[in-house]
């Protein structure tokens, strides 16, 4: 449907994953006038804290804080994600409905099995969605670019690039704070082990680190498998010496 179409779509295993890993980028794209969406694969029903209904309400508040236009849920089983035919068919239908040009996926490694599977499942579904004879309904569509979010990890590879989120960092933090059931009083989440610091301070420190790599206050890192093109080397950013 036309009202579901977006230019940028973040596909995440759980409600709150997109906010942690690419929330600043989503908010920045929305402020730039692009249609932005989040597709959560599960409802978070297996999470230690909170429940699916609570996290659904938190997710809607977080989406509003980021300014995204669309938030969908695939209804796949939390803690039991699988890259199987049924899951691929579900995701293909949603990719065809939203027709994104760019998709942000988790990094293909991680402690939580759902994060690893979401990366593989998302990438496969984005490819299959472009096959005219592949079963689910909808006009074929294959996203142009697949990005993997590297933020908030202990095992990062060197980023392909970092997005300056200095102007949207506070929006990212407001969105993350919407998940009080998950994060208030927490010392860690996702792929980062506890350090004793408050979770929100950990996020700030990590965002500041990646920002420093591009000489900015805050940044979010990304990896892509293909080599990125540069048209004019005189316009390259980030001072070398």
Protein backbone atom coordinates (compact mmCIF):
# COMPACT_ATOMS: atom_id res chain seq x y z
CA UNK A 1 0.00 0.00 0.00
CA UNK A 2 1.21 3.48 -0.84
CA UNK A 3 0.93 4.77 2.73
CA UNK A 4 3.26 2.00 3.92
CA UNK A 5 6.08 2.87 1.54
CA UNK A 6 9.29 4.26 3.02
CA UNK A 7 12.72 5.21 1.75
CA UNK A 8 14.59 3.90 4.80
CA UNK A 9 13.57 0.81 6.78
CA UNK A 10 15.26 -0.54 9.90
CA UNK A 11 14.59 -4.24 10.47
CA UNK A 12 15.23 -5.26 14.08
CA UNK A 13 14.73 -8.43 16.11
CA UNK A 14 13.12 -6.71 19.11
CA UNK A 15 11.33 -3.53 20.03
CA UNK A 16 14.12 -1.19 21.23
CA UNK A 17 16.88 -2.67 19.01
CA UNK A 18 16.47 -0.04 16.29
CA UNK A 19 16.54 2.77 18.84
CA UNK A 20 19.79 1.48 20.34
CA UNK A 21 21.62 0.79 17.09
CA UNK A 22 20.38 3.32 14.54
CA UNK A 23 17.89 5.66 16.24
CA UNK A 24 19.92 8.78 15.52
CA UNK A 25 20.18 7.90 11.84
CA UNK A 26 16.44 7.25 11.57
CA UNK A 27 15.63 10.57 13.22
CA UNK A 28 18.10 12.38 10.97
CA UNK A 29 16.59 10.88 7.83
CA UNK A 30 13.08 11.77 8.97
CA UNK A 31 14.13 15.38 9.68
CA UNK A 32 15.66 15.53 6.18
CA UNK A 33 12.23 14.77 4.70
CA UNK A 34 12.59 11.06 3.98
CA UNK A 35 9.88 8.56 4.85
CA UNK A 36 11.29 6.26 7.52
CA UNK A 37 10.02 3.02 9.00
CA UNK A 38 10.87 0.40 11.62
CA UNK A 39 9.98 -3.27 11.26
CA UNK A 40 10.27 -5.19 14.55
CA UNK A 41 10.35 -8.93 13.90
CA UNK A 42 9.03 -10.00 17.34
CA UNK A 43 6.83 -8.59 20.09
CA UNK A 44 9.41 -9.09 22.83
CA UNK A 45 7.23 -11.56 24.68
CA UNK A 46 10.20 -13.63 25.87
CA UNK A 47 12.07 -10.71 27.40
CA UNK A 48 13.08 -10.97 31.06
CA UNK A 49 11.59 -7.56 31.86
CA UNK A 50 8.18 -6.22 30.87
CA UNK A 51 5.72 -7.91 28.52
CA UNK A 52 4.57 -7.65 24.90
CA UNK A 53 1.77 -5.17 25.58
CA UNK A 54 4.00 -2.86 27.60
CA UNK A 55 6.71 -2.96 24.96
CA UNK A 56 4.18 -2.25 22.20
CA UNK A 57 3.12 0.96 23.93
CA UNK A 58 6.76 1.89 24.56
CA UNK A 59 7.60 1.24 20.92
CA UNK A 60 4.90 3.61 19.69
CA UNK A 61 6.15 6.37 22.00
CA UNK A 62 9.71 5.76 20.84
CA UNK A 63 8.71 5.93 17.18
CA UNK A 64 7.05 9.29 17.84
CA UNK A 65 10.21 10.53 19.60
CA UNK A 66 12.27 9.65 16.52
CA UNK A 67 9.72 11.08 14.11
CA UNK A 68 9.48 7.90 12.02
CA UNK A 69 6.44 7.51 9.81
CA UNK A 70 5.68 3.79 10.12
CA UNK A 71 6.25 1.03 12.66
CA UNK A 72 5.27 -2.54 11.84
CA UNK A 73 5.61 -5.86 13.65
CA UNK A 74 6.09 -9.19 11.90
CA UNK A 75 4.79 -11.20 14.86
CA UNK A 76 7.58 -13.79 14.70
CA UNK A 77 8.41 -15.73 17.90
CA UNK A 78 10.74 -13.92 20.30
CA UNK A 79 13.88 -15.91 21.19
CA UNK A 80 12.91 -18.43 18.49
CA UNK A 81 13.66 -16.51 15.29
CA UNK A 82 14.52 -18.81 12.40
CA UNK A 83 15.50 -18.19 8.82
CA UNK A 84 12.90 -20.63 7.55
CA UNK A 85 10.50 -20.52 4.62
CA UNK A 86 7.53 -19.24 6.60
CA UNK A 87 9.53 -16.41 8.17
CA UNK A 88 11.07 -15.44 4.83
CA UNK A 89 7.62 -15.33 3.22
CA UNK A 90 6.30 -13.08 5.99
CA UNK A 91 9.22 -10.71 5.66
CA UNK A 92 9.13 -10.67 1.85
CA UNK A 93 5.51 -9.52 1.98
CA UNK A 94 6.46 -6.67 4.33
CA UNK A 95 9.45 -5.61 2.21
CA UNK A 96 7.21 -5.52 -0.86
CA UNK A 97 4.61 -3.49 1.01
CA UNK A 98 7.10 -0.92 2.31
CA UNK A 99 9.41 -0.88 -0.76
CA UNK A 100 12.45 0.69 0.96
CA UNK A 101 15.46 1.91 -0.99
CA UNK A 102 17.77 1.38 2.00
CA UNK A 103 17.44 -1.28 4.73
CA UNK A 104 19.35 -1.27 8.01
CA UNK A 105 19.90 -4.74 9.53
CA UNK A 106 21.67 -5.98 12.66
CA UNK A 107 25.28 -7.08 12.33
CA UNK A 108 25.49 -10.82 11.46
CA UNK A 109 27.27 -11.68 14.74
CA UNK A 110 26.15 -11.34 18.34
CA UNK A 111 25.39 -12.95 21.69
CA UNK A 112 21.63 -13.01 21.18
CA UNK A 113 20.62 -15.63 18.57
CA UNK A 114 17.73 -13.43 17.41
CA UNK A 115 20.15 -10.67 16.38
CA UNK A 116 22.22 -13.04 14.25
CA UNK A 117 19.18 -14.65 12.68
CA UNK A 118 17.52 -11.27 12.01
CA UNK A 119 20.54 -10.20 9.95
CA UNK A 120 20.48 -13.34 7.83
CA UNK A 121 16.70 -13.50 7.55
CA UNK A 122 16.48 -9.82 6.63
CA UNK A 123 19.15 -10.04 3.96
CA UNK A 124 17.63 -13.17 2.39
CA UNK A 125 14.13 -11.67 2.40
CA UNK A 126 15.37 -8.46 0.76
CA UNK A 127 16.82 -10.54 -2.07
CA UNK A 128 13.82 -12.87 -2.45
CA UNK A 129 11.42 -9.91 -2.48
CA UNK A 130 12.85 -8.99 -5.87
CA UNK A 131 12.05 -12.34 -7.48
CA UNK A 132 8.94 -12.00 -9.63
CA UNK A 133 7.96 -15.65 -9.23
CA UNK A 134 8.56 -15.93 -5.49
CA UNK A 135 5.30 -16.79 -3.77
CA UNK A 136 4.08 -14.06 -1.37
CA UNK A 137 1.75 -11.38 -2.78
CA UNK A 138 2.92 -7.95 -3.82
CA UNK A 139 4.90 -6.42 -6.65
CA UNK A 140 8.54 -7.54 -6.66
CA UNK A 141 10.92 -5.11 -4.98
CA UNK A 142 14.57 -5.38 -4.01
CA UNK A 143 16.16 -2.68 -1.83
CA UNK A 144 19.12 -0.86 -3.40
CA UNK A 145 21.35 -0.83 -0.31
CA UNK A 146 21.73 -3.08 2.74
CA UNK A 147 23.51 -1.64 5.78
CA UNK A 148 24.46 -3.40 9.01
CA UNK A 149 24.37 -1.36 12.22
CA UNK A 150 27.54 -1.70 14.33
CA UNK A 151 26.56 0.44 17.32
CA UNK A 152 26.47 -0.86 20.89
CA UNK A 153 28.69 -3.90 20.40
CA UNK A 154 31.87 -5.35 21.93
CA UNK A 155 33.06 -7.04 18.73
CA UNK A 156 32.94 -4.28 16.14
CA UNK A 157 34.69 -4.43 12.79
CA UNK A 158 36.00 -1.18 11.36
CA UNK A 159 32.95 0.77 10.16
CA UNK A 160 32.46 1.34 6.46
CA UNK A 161 31.21 4.77 7.48
CA UNK A 162 29.81 6.69 10.47
CA UNK A 163 26.70 8.89 10.39
CA UNK A 164 26.92 12.19 12.26
CA UNK A 165 23.99 12.11 14.70
CA UNK A 166 25.03 15.10 16.77
CA UNK A 167 21.79 16.96 16.04
CA UNK A 168 19.55 13.93 16.68
CA UNK A 169 21.40 12.33 19.59
CA UNK A 170 18.93 13.73 22.13
CA UNK A 171 16.01 12.39 20.06
CA UNK A 172 17.71 8.99 20.08
CA UNK A 173 18.04 9.15 23.86
CA UNK A 174 14.41 10.22 24.31
CA UNK A 175 13.35 7.24 22.24
CA UNK A 176 15.53 4.85 24.24
CA UNK A 177 14.18 6.25 27.52
CA UNK A 178 10.67 5.35 26.34
CA UNK A 179 11.57 1.73 27.17
CA UNK A 180 11.44 2.18 30.93
CA UNK A 181 10.43 -1.45 31.40
CA UNK A 182 13.69 -2.55 29.76
CA UNK A 183 16.26 0.08 30.63
CA UNK A 184 15.47 2.03 33.81
CA UNK A 185 18.08 0.92 36.35
CA UNK A 186 19.77 -1.32 33.80
CA UNK A 187 23.54 -1.58 33.40
CA UNK A 188 23.64 -3.27 29.98
CA UNK A 189 21.59 -4.40 27.00
CA UNK A 190 22.07 -6.02 23.64
CA UNK A 191 25.66 -6.96 22.81
CA UNK A 192 27.43 -4.96 25.56
CA UNK A 193 28.38 -6.55 28.89
CA UNK A 194 27.95 -4.54 32.12
CA UNK A 195 30.71 -2.16 33.15
CA UNK A 196 28.97 -0.82 36.26
CA UNK A 197 27.99 2.36 34.43
CA UNK A 198 24.40 3.40 33.93
CA UNK A 199 23.03 2.13 30.60
CA UNK A 200 22.22 5.60 29.30
CA UNK A 201 25.76 6.78 30.05
CA UNK A 202 27.16 3.76 28.22
CA UNK A 203 25.14 4.71 25.14
CA UNK A 204 26.40 8.30 25.32
CA UNK A 205 30.01 7.18 25.67
CA UNK A 206 29.75 4.78 22.75
CA UNK A 207 28.05 7.36 20.53
CA UNK A 208 30.73 9.90 21.46
CA UNK A 209 33.47 7.41 20.55
CA UNK A 210 32.09 6.85 17.06
CA UNK A 211 31.47 10.55 16.67
CA UNK A 212 35.13 11.19 17.47
CA UNK A 213 36.16 9.00 14.53
CA UNK A 214 34.54 11.53 12.17
CA UNK A 215 35.47 14.56 14.33
CA UNK A 216 31.88 15.07 15.49
CA UNK A 217 30.22 14.95 18.94
CA UNK A 218 28.13 11.82 18.29
CA UNK A 219 27.96 9.15 15.58
CA UNK A 220 26.45 5.80 14.60
CA UNK A 221 28.65 3.27 12.75
CA UNK A 222 27.67 1.05 9.82
CA UNK A 223 29.16 -1.78 7.79
CA UNK A 224 28.36 -2.83 4.25
CA UNK A 225 29.92 -5.63 2.23
CA UNK A 226 30.26 -3.75 -1.04
CA UNK A 227 32.89 -1.08 -1.71
CA UNK A 228 31.50 2.44 -1.47
CA UNK A 229 31.88 4.78 -4.45
CA UNK A 230 33.47 8.24 -4.26
CA UNK A 231 33.01 10.68 -7.15
CA UNK A 232 35.18 13.56 -5.95
CA UNK A 233 38.11 12.96 -3.61
CA UNK A 234 38.30 16.70 -2.94
CA UNK A 235 34.95 16.49 -1.13
CA UNK A 236 35.96 13.73 1.28
CA UNK A 237 35.36 14.53 4.94
CA UNK A 238 37.39 13.77 8.11
CA UNK A 239 40.85 15.30 8.31
CA UNK A 240 43.72 12.83 8.04
CA UNK A 241 46.57 14.66 9.82
